[in-house]
Structures are given as C-alpha cells and as structure tokens.
Amino acid sequence: MRPKNIGWVLAAIVVIGVGASGAIVQSAQTRPESETGLRDVDGVVVGKLYDLKKYEECRKNDPRNSDCNVYRLKRVENPEYWPYPDVPPVKWPEAPKVSVYRKGMTGLEYWQALCKAEAGEFIYRVVEDVEGLYMIRPRNKEPEHADYDRWVREDPYGYGDGDEEWDAPRKLVGPTLRDFKRSSSYQFSYLYLERPAIKHPLSGRAEYWHPSMVAEPPVGAKYTLYFNNGGSLKTLEVRYSKELVSRYGYTWRGISRPHDRELGVAGGELIVVDLRTNEVLGMRRGFRLGPPDPRRGRELVWWGAVCPQYPNIPGYRNVLWFLTKIVKPKVAKEYVPARR
C-alpha cells in the first residue's frame, strides 16, 4: 500500500536477550559508519571531550561544578522491550536511497534538503477508539550536556517530544486534553499508557504524587500501567501486572545520513505497530538542526529548527500529535483497570 505523506540507516550492534520483565530486549545503540567524528569507548558512544582524568581534575578544583560532567559524557542506553518473542521482527520502512548531500553544503542547506526529500508523516493504517499504548522503547533521561555534544545523543530530533520516562505519563495520559472543546486544533490523550515494569522516576516531593507512584513494583511484575482520571499529579496512578493490556505500541530510533553530524544535523524515526503482528501502522521521520552557540562558547546546541514541526499548544507535545493521527484515542470519562 502506498503511504500517505502528510507534509513535510540505522547501522546498529544489536544484542538480544530476555529482560527482567520477561520481554525480548534489544540494545539499539547506533554505530553509524558515516559519523566520522564519533568516539567509541568499550562499545559505548562517548562525548567529544570524554576524558576521565580531566573529569577528576575538574572535580578536584571545584566539586560543585556541573560542567565537569562534559568529560564523562556517554550515550544513554535505551533498550527495546518487545512483548511477544514469537512474533516476526518489525520491518522499518526504507528510507530514500539517493543521498541529497552535496559537497560544500552548509548545515542549514543540508537540513533543508533532508526535510524536503525525507521528512514527514507516513500513515499506512488508522485505528479508531484506542484506549492506550505500550512504550516498546522508553526514552531515558539524558544528561544536560548532551544538548551541546555533536554525537552523544542518539535522537536529537525526537528527544524532548514529551514521551521521556519522567514526562510520558503526564503528557500522554489523562483527561486534561481529552476534555478540551473539540476542534481541529486539538487532539486527545489516552486513557492509559504501558511500559516495562519499573518504579517511576519522581520529580519533587513524594507527597505530591499518588501513593502507587511511590511504592516499589511487586515481585514478578512485567508491565507498568499508568492512568489518570483526575488530571493532576496526585491522581496519576500506577498498576502493575504480568500481562500486557495494549494492542498497539510505538518505538523509535536515531538515523544517520552522510556527513549529518559534521554539519550539525541529526534525524530520528518513530513507528507505531500492531503488537500482535508487528505490522507498521505509521512512521514519522524528522530532522533537527543544531546551530552553533558562540555566545556561550559552544560549537553546537541541539535546540535548532526541526521538521516536521507541530503546532505550539501549551501542555501539548509533538509525539502526541503524531500518535493520535494513527491510533486515535477513545474518548471516555475515566479508565477503570481490570483486576489481575
């Protein structure tokens, strides 16, 4: 079926095993050969200034200087947890084979060419009345200095979209957006969100959160399910189980193009899948421009222009705009988790 384009490869060492949740775990660290400046230490991508001796010296001179962390900056691991090992592996849609890179291009010119040739939303099948989703590859929190390093962040385009581990339950779940007046400008959040079982990383004091968010996961739990019937931190609840509720899920990866990081350009892809078959329902491919920041003495900062770009609505994040076009949320007053 020909994809619907609404707008606007990964080379990896893959390690497969069984995680604590019992799901299939795949390491998805990128090793793009085209990234000529990429540094690798013991199989892990490290920052441009990585030097543990300099880190120790920096800390010795000023123990409270957070800038010392630039000398020990590493790429954060973000494993994938596929729930059904007997289902055939997912097949990512192929990217265009003809490179748009031309010798002498500036970073801006290269970013514009990639946006025109590759970026966009590609929707293959739409599903209605979806209550919730499973995060196949939860995004872990990354250190602040990854914003200023050319290579260490795997997916500068997708990071900060609103589905990071500390943010996802608040941004993707609950009635706040679902109760807005229906219009063409607003989408709606999901009734629940699932991920592999972990204790949620809290920000702020424990009393601001629902007690279930503070408690340790029970022994044998495989999945965490978040739901929020009240719209506040205090009403954001967690349930743990051994069985997955979601029929649909999503995952992501960083992508590489010739000379992209050298020119301050980076890309990422996100796909939505049917977990029972691993059929790809839709894909988003995007690119971010990392301009220099001479005022702060930084050769690059990953805060630049992006494509595709989404409407700027307070409290709403880009990833939800895309997900809700493919797996459309069911509108309901509340979610009542089943007893297990």
Protein backbone atom coordinates (compact mmCIF):
# COMPACT_ATOMS: atom_id res chain seq x y z
CA MET A 1 0.00 0.00 0.00
CA ARG A 2 1.32 3.44 -0.91
CA PRO A 3 1.91 5.52 2.23
CA LYS A 4 0.06 8.76 2.79
CA ASN A 5 2.61 11.58 3.11
CA ILE A 6 1.10 14.40 5.12
CA GLY A 7 3.74 17.01 4.94
CA TRP A 8 6.69 17.62 5.07
CA VAL A 9 20.04 3.73 8.05
CA LEU A 10 20.46 2.94 11.13
CA ALA A 11 23.63 0.82 11.50
CA ALA A 12 23.50 -0.90 14.88
CA ILE A 13 25.05 -3.53 17.05
CA VAL A 14 22.03 -5.44 18.34
CA VAL A 15 22.13 -7.56 21.46
CA ILE A 16 19.07 -9.70 22.10
CA GLY A 17 18.18 -11.18 25.47
CA VAL A 18 15.38 -11.54 27.99
CA GLY A 19 14.90 -8.63 30.35
CA ALA A 20 13.59 -8.56 33.90
CA SER A 21 10.07 -8.10 32.56
CA GLY A 22 10.33 -11.32 30.58
CA ALA A 23 10.12 -9.42 27.30
CA ILE A 24 12.62 -9.57 24.50
CA VAL A 25 15.28 -6.90 24.97
CA GLN A 26 17.22 -5.41 22.09
CA SER A 27 20.02 -2.90 22.50
CA ALA A 28 19.56 -0.13 19.96
CA GLN A 29 22.79 1.84 20.25
CA THR A 30 23.63 3.42 16.91
CA ARG A 31 27.00 2.84 15.25
CA PRO A 32 26.72 4.87 12.02
CA GLU A 33 29.86 4.47 9.92
CA SER A 34 29.26 7.88 8.32
CA GLU A 35 29.76 9.67 11.63
CA THR A 36 33.49 10.17 11.22
CA GLY A 37 33.95 12.03 14.49
CA LEU A 38 32.06 9.51 16.64
CA ARG A 39 34.06 8.19 19.60
CA ASP A 40 33.55 4.72 20.99
CA VAL A 41 34.88 3.57 24.37
CA ASP A 42 34.23 -0.03 25.41
CA GLY A 43 31.32 -0.29 23.00
CA VAL A 44 29.64 2.92 24.16
CA VAL A 45 29.43 6.20 22.25
CA VAL A 46 31.07 8.97 24.28
CA GLY A 47 31.19 12.74 24.04
CA LYS A 48 33.77 14.73 22.11
CA LEU A 49 35.54 15.84 25.31
CA TYR A 50 35.34 12.49 27.11
CA ASP A 51 38.37 12.20 29.39
CA LEU A 52 38.05 10.72 32.88
CA LYS A 53 41.37 12.19 34.03
CA LYS A 54 40.20 15.67 33.13
CA TYR A 55 36.92 14.94 34.92
CA GLU A 56 38.75 14.06 38.14
CA GLU A 57 40.94 17.16 37.86
CA CYS A 58 37.90 19.35 37.24
CA ARG A 59 36.05 17.92 40.24
CA LYS A 60 39.12 18.33 42.42
CA ASN A 61 39.36 22.02 41.55
CA ASP A 62 35.62 22.64 42.01
CA PRO A 63 33.49 19.73 43.35
CA ARG A 64 30.25 21.61 42.65
CA ASN A 65 31.00 22.49 39.04
CA SER A 66 28.43 20.60 36.95
CA ASP A 67 30.34 21.47 33.77
CA CYS A 68 32.86 18.80 34.78
CA ASN A 69 30.33 16.23 33.56
CA VAL A 70 31.21 17.05 29.96
CA TYR A 71 34.36 14.94 30.47
CA ARG A 72 32.41 11.79 31.29
CA LEU A 73 29.51 12.19 28.88
CA LYS A 74 28.23 8.90 27.40
CA ARG A 75 25.33 7.94 25.18
CA VAL A 76 22.38 6.78 27.29
CA GLU A 77 21.24 3.21 26.65
CA ASN A 78 17.57 2.87 25.69
CA PRO A 79 16.75 -0.85 25.30
CA GLU A 80 13.66 -2.05 23.41
CA TYR A 81 11.25 -4.43 25.16
CA TRP A 82 9.22 -6.39 22.63
CA PRO A 83 6.42 -8.23 24.45
CA TYR A 84 5.86 -11.18 22.10
CA PRO A 85 9.05 -13.05 21.12
CA ASP A 86 7.19 -15.38 18.71
CA VAL A 87 6.01 -12.51 16.50
CA PRO A 88 8.27 -11.82 13.46
CA PRO A 89 10.62 -8.85 13.95
CA VAL A 90 9.35 -5.46 12.87
CA LYS A 91 10.45 -4.19 9.45
CA TRP A 92 11.18 -0.48 9.43
CA PRO A 93 10.11 1.35 6.25
CA GLU A 94 13.06 2.01 3.96
CA ALA A 95 14.48 5.48 3.50
CA PRO A 96 15.22 7.01 0.07
CA LYS A 97 18.41 5.50 -1.32
CA VAL A 98 19.68 8.61 -3.13
CA SER A 99 21.67 10.97 -0.89
CA VAL A 100 20.85 14.68 -1.01
CA TYR A 101 24.25 15.65 0.38
CA ARG A 102 26.41 17.83 -1.90
CA LYS A 103 29.97 18.83 -1.18
CA GLY A 104 30.20 22.36 0.17
CA MET A 105 26.72 22.40 1.72
CA THR A 106 26.17 24.37 4.91
CA GLY A 107 24.34 22.73 7.79
CA LEU A 108 21.22 24.77 7.05
CA GLU A 109 21.27 23.81 3.37
CA TYR A 110 21.70 20.12 4.19
CA TRP A 111 18.90 20.22 6.77
CA GLN A 112 16.57 21.89 4.27
CA ALA A 113 17.40 19.28 1.61
CA LEU A 114 16.74 16.39 4.02
CA CYS A 115 13.46 17.97 5.12
CA LYS A 116 12.29 18.25 1.53
CA ALA A 117 13.42 14.77 0.46
CA GLU A 118 12.74 12.59 3.50
CA ALA A 119 10.95 14.19 6.44
CA GLY A 120 7.26 13.72 7.10
CA GLU A 121 4.49 11.55 8.47
CA PHE A 122 3.70 8.35 6.60
CA ILE A 123 0.41 6.73 7.60
CA TYR A 124 -0.41 3.24 6.38
CA ARG A 125 -3.43 2.32 8.56
CA VAL A 126 -5.59 4.20 11.07
CA VAL A 127 -7.22 2.58 14.12
CA GLU A 128 -10.16 4.15 15.98
CA ASP A 129 -11.15 4.07 19.68
CA VAL A 130 -7.78 3.06 21.12
CA GLU A 131 -7.70 3.21 24.91
CA GLY A 132 -3.95 3.09 25.44
CA LEU A 133 -0.47 2.33 24.12
CA TYR A 134 2.64 0.39 25.08
CA MET A 135 6.06 2.06 25.04
CA ILE A 136 8.35 -0.51 23.42
CA ARG A 137 11.44 1.64 23.90
CA PRO A 138 11.04 4.09 26.78
CA ARG A 139 13.26 7.13 26.48
CA ASN A 140 15.52 7.55 29.48
CA LYS A 141 16.50 10.94 30.85
CA GLU A 142 19.71 12.24 29.31
CA PRO A 143 22.34 14.49 30.90
CA GLU A 144 22.10 18.20 30.23
CA HIS A 145 25.44 18.35 28.43
CA ALA A 146 24.15 16.00 25.72
CA ASP A 147 22.41 19.14 24.37
CA TYR A 148 25.81 20.51 23.37
CA ASP A 149 27.58 17.43 22.04
CA ARG A 150 27.55 16.59 18.34
CA TRP A 151 27.41 12.79 18.60
CA VAL A 152 26.43 11.51 22.02
CA ARG A 153 22.63 11.88 21.76
CA GLU A 154 21.15 9.19 19.54
CA ASP A 155 17.98 11.03 18.50
CA PRO A 156 18.19 14.82 18.91
CA TYR A 157 15.03 15.24 16.82
CA GLY A 158 12.77 13.07 18.99
CA TYR A 159 14.23 13.80 22.42
CA GLY A 160 12.10 16.33 24.29
CA ASP A 161 8.93 15.32 22.43
CA GLY A 162 7.08 14.57 25.68
CA ASP A 163 7.49 10.80 25.88
CA GLU A 164 10.59 10.73 28.12
CA GLU A 165 10.33 8.43 31.13
CA TRP A 166 9.57 11.17 33.66
CA ASP A 167 7.19 13.06 31.39
CA ALA A 168 5.27 10.48 29.35
CA PRO A 169 2.52 9.57 31.87
CA ARG A 170 1.73 13.25 32.40
CA LYS A 171 1.77 14.18 28.70
CA LEU A 172 0.17 11.14 27.06
CA VAL A 173 -2.41 10.11 29.68
CA GLY A 174 -5.35 11.75 31.38
CA PRO A 175 -8.44 13.89 30.87
CA THR A 176 -6.86 17.35 30.65
CA LEU A 177 -6.53 17.46 26.89
CA ARG A 178 -9.28 14.94 26.29
CA ASP A 179 -11.80 17.29 27.87
CA PHE A 180 -10.91 20.30 25.76
CA LYS A 181 -13.62 21.53 23.43
CA ARG A 182 -13.41 19.52 20.23
CA SER A 183 -11.90 21.48 17.37
CA SER A 184 -9.47 20.94 14.52
CA SER A 185 -6.71 22.40 16.69
CA TYR A 186 -6.78 19.78 19.45
CA GLN A 187 -6.12 16.08 19.75
CA PHE A 188 -6.91 13.93 22.78
CA SER A 189 -4.76 11.96 25.19
CA TYR A 190 -5.05 8.26 26.03
CA LEU A 191 -6.81 6.55 28.90
CA TYR A 192 -3.68 4.63 29.87
CA LEU A 193 -0.02 4.12 28.97
CA GLU A 194 2.06 0.97 29.49
CA ARG A 195 5.76 0.29 29.69
CA PRO A 196 8.07 -2.40 31.14
CA ALA A 197 7.77 -2.58 34.92
CA ILE A 198 9.87 -0.04 36.79
CA LYS A 199 9.37 2.33 39.67
CA HIS A 200 8.57 5.68 38.10
CA PRO A 201 11.33 8.31 38.49
CA LEU A 202 9.67 11.05 40.54
CA SER A 203 10.39 14.75 40.44
CA GLY A 204 9.60 16.76 43.56
CA ARG A 205 8.45 15.51 46.94
CA ALA A 206 6.67 12.18 47.33
CA GLU A 207 3.57 13.73 48.90
CA TYR A 208 2.80 15.48 45.60
CA TRP A 209 2.22 12.10 43.94
CA HIS A 210 -0.30 9.30 44.26
CA PRO A 211 0.91 6.62 46.74
CA SER A 212 1.03 3.99 43.97
CA MET A 213 3.68 6.05 42.18
CA VAL A 214 5.94 5.94 45.23
CA ALA A 215 5.59 2.22 46.02
CA GLU A 216 8.04 -0.38 44.69
CA PRO A 217 6.81 -2.69 41.89
CA PRO A 218 5.71 -6.09 43.22
CA VAL A 219 7.92 -9.11 42.61
CA GLY A 220 7.12 -10.74 39.28
CA ALA A 221 5.54 -7.66 37.72
CA LYS A 222 6.28 -7.32 33.99
CA TYR A 223 4.40 -4.19 33.00
CA THR A 224 3.56 -0.78 34.41
CA LEU A 225 0.20 0.79 33.50
CA TYR A 226 -0.42 4.49 34.15
CA PHE A 227 -3.88 6.07 34.23
CA ASN A 228 -5.14 9.42 35.44
CA ASN A 229 -8.82 10.11 35.99
CA GLY A 230 -8.31 13.42 37.76
CA GLY A 231 -5.82 15.39 35.72
CA SER A 232 -3.23 16.12 38.44
CA LEU A 233 -0.05 14.53 39.75
CA LYS A 234 -1.93 13.34 42.82
CA THR A 235 -4.42 11.41 40.68
CA LEU A 236 -1.84 9.82 38.35
CA GLU A 237 -1.93 6.15 39.37
CA VAL A 238 0.06 3.02 38.58
CA ARG A 239 -0.95 -0.62 38.30
CA TYR A 240 1.48 -3.49 37.79
CA SER A 241 0.72 -6.74 36.02
CA LYS A 242 2.20 -9.80 34.31
CA GLU A 243 0.11 -9.34 31.17
CA LEU A 244 0.05 -6.55 28.63
CA VAL A 245 -3.26 -4.76 28.01
CA SER A 246 -2.25 -2.77 24.92
CA ARG A 247 -2.83 -3.99 21.37
CA TYR A 248 -0.69 -1.20 19.88
CA GLY A 249 2.69 0.26 20.74
CA TYR A 250 5.41 2.51 19.43
CA THR A 251 9.19 2.67 19.30
CA TRP A 252 11.88 4.96 17.92
CA ARG A 253 15.48 5.08 16.71
CA GLY A 254 18.13 7.56 15.67
CA ILE A 255 19.07 7.62 11.99
CA SER A 256 22.26 8.59 10.20
CA ARG A 257 22.92 10.28 6.89
CA PRO A 258 26.32 11.04 5.25
CA HIS A 259 28.10 13.95 6.98
CA ASP A 260 25.00 14.86 9.02
CA ARG A 261 26.56 15.26 12.45
CA GLU A 262 29.58 17.01 10.99
CA LEU A 263 27.20 19.70 9.72
CA GLY A 264 25.10 19.85 12.87
CA VAL A 265 22.14 17.85 11.55
CA ALA A 266 20.57 14.77 13.16
CA GLY A 267 17.49 12.66 12.49
CA GLY A 268 15.16 10.18 14.11
CA GLU A 269 12.28 7.87 13.26
CA LEU A 270 9.25 6.74 15.27
CA ILE A 271 6.88 3.94 14.26
CA VAL A 272 3.52 2.75 15.57
CA VAL A 273 2.96 -1.01 15.41
CA ASP A 274 0.32 -3.67 15.96
CA LEU A 275 1.97 -5.69 18.72
CA ARG A 276 0.29 -8.95 17.72
CA THR A 277 1.81 -8.89 14.23
CA ASN A 278 4.44 -6.10 14.33
CA GLU A 279 2.73 -4.53 11.33
CA VAL A 280 3.85 -0.91 10.98
CA LEU A 281 0.80 1.37 11.03
CA GLY A 282 2.69 4.60 10.51
CA MET A 283 6.07 6.29 10.70
CA ARG A 284 7.39 9.75 11.39
CA ARG A 285 10.85 10.73 10.15
CA GLY A 286 12.30 14.05 11.22
CA PHE A 287 15.49 16.09 11.36
CA ARG A 288 16.86 18.72 13.72
CA LEU A 289 19.40 21.45 13.02
CA GLY A 290 21.97 22.11 15.74
CA PRO A 291 23.30 25.64 15.20
CA PRO A 292 26.49 26.96 16.85
CA ASP A 293 26.20 28.97 20.06
CA PRO A 294 29.28 31.23 20.10
CA ARG A 295 27.87 33.45 22.86
CA ARG A 296 28.21 30.55 25.29
CA GLY A 297 31.32 29.17 23.62
CA ARG A 298 29.59 26.05 22.28
CA GLU A 299 30.17 24.74 18.79
CA LEU A 300 26.64 23.34 18.66
CA VAL A 301 23.38 23.18 20.61
CA TRP A 302 20.50 20.82 19.75
CA TRP A 303 17.82 23.50 20.13
CA GLY A 304 17.50 24.46 16.48
CA ALA A 305 14.83 24.17 13.82
CA VAL A 306 13.01 20.88 13.24
CA CYS A 307 10.99 19.22 10.51
CA PRO A 308 8.25 18.15 10.67
CA GLN A 309 7.19 20.91 13.03
CA TYR A 310 3.98 20.76 15.06
CA PRO A 311 1.55 23.36 16.44
CA ASN A 312 2.70 25.04 19.63
CA ILE A 313 -0.07 24.41 22.16
CA PRO A 314 0.74 24.85 25.88
CA GLY A 315 0.97 21.50 27.67
CA TYR A 316 0.88 19.55 24.43
CA ARG A 317 3.85 17.71 22.96
CA ASN A 318 4.79 16.73 19.44
CA VAL A 319 4.74 12.96 19.88
CA LEU A 320 1.06 13.01 20.88
CA TRP A 321 0.12 14.92 17.74
CA PHE A 322 1.57 12.13 15.63
CA LEU A 323 0.38 9.13 17.66
CA THR A 324 -3.20 10.31 17.77
CA LYS A 325 -3.36 10.55 13.97
CA ILE A 326 -2.75 6.79 13.68
CA VAL A 327 -4.15 5.22 16.85
CA LYS A 328 -6.99 7.58 17.64
CA PRO A 329 -7.84 7.77 21.37
CA LYS A 330 -11.16 6.59 22.71
CA VAL A 331 -12.98 9.42 24.44
CA ALA A 332 -14.24 8.39 27.88
CA LYS A 333 -14.70 9.98 31.28
CA GLU A 334 -12.38 7.61 33.11
CA TYR A 335 -10.37 4.42 32.91
CA VAL A 336 -11.11 1.51 35.24
CA PRO A 337 -8.22 -1.01 35.24
CA ALA A 338 -9.17 -4.68 35.27
CA ARG A 339 -8.37 -6.70 38.38
CA ARG A 340 -5.48 -9.12 37.79
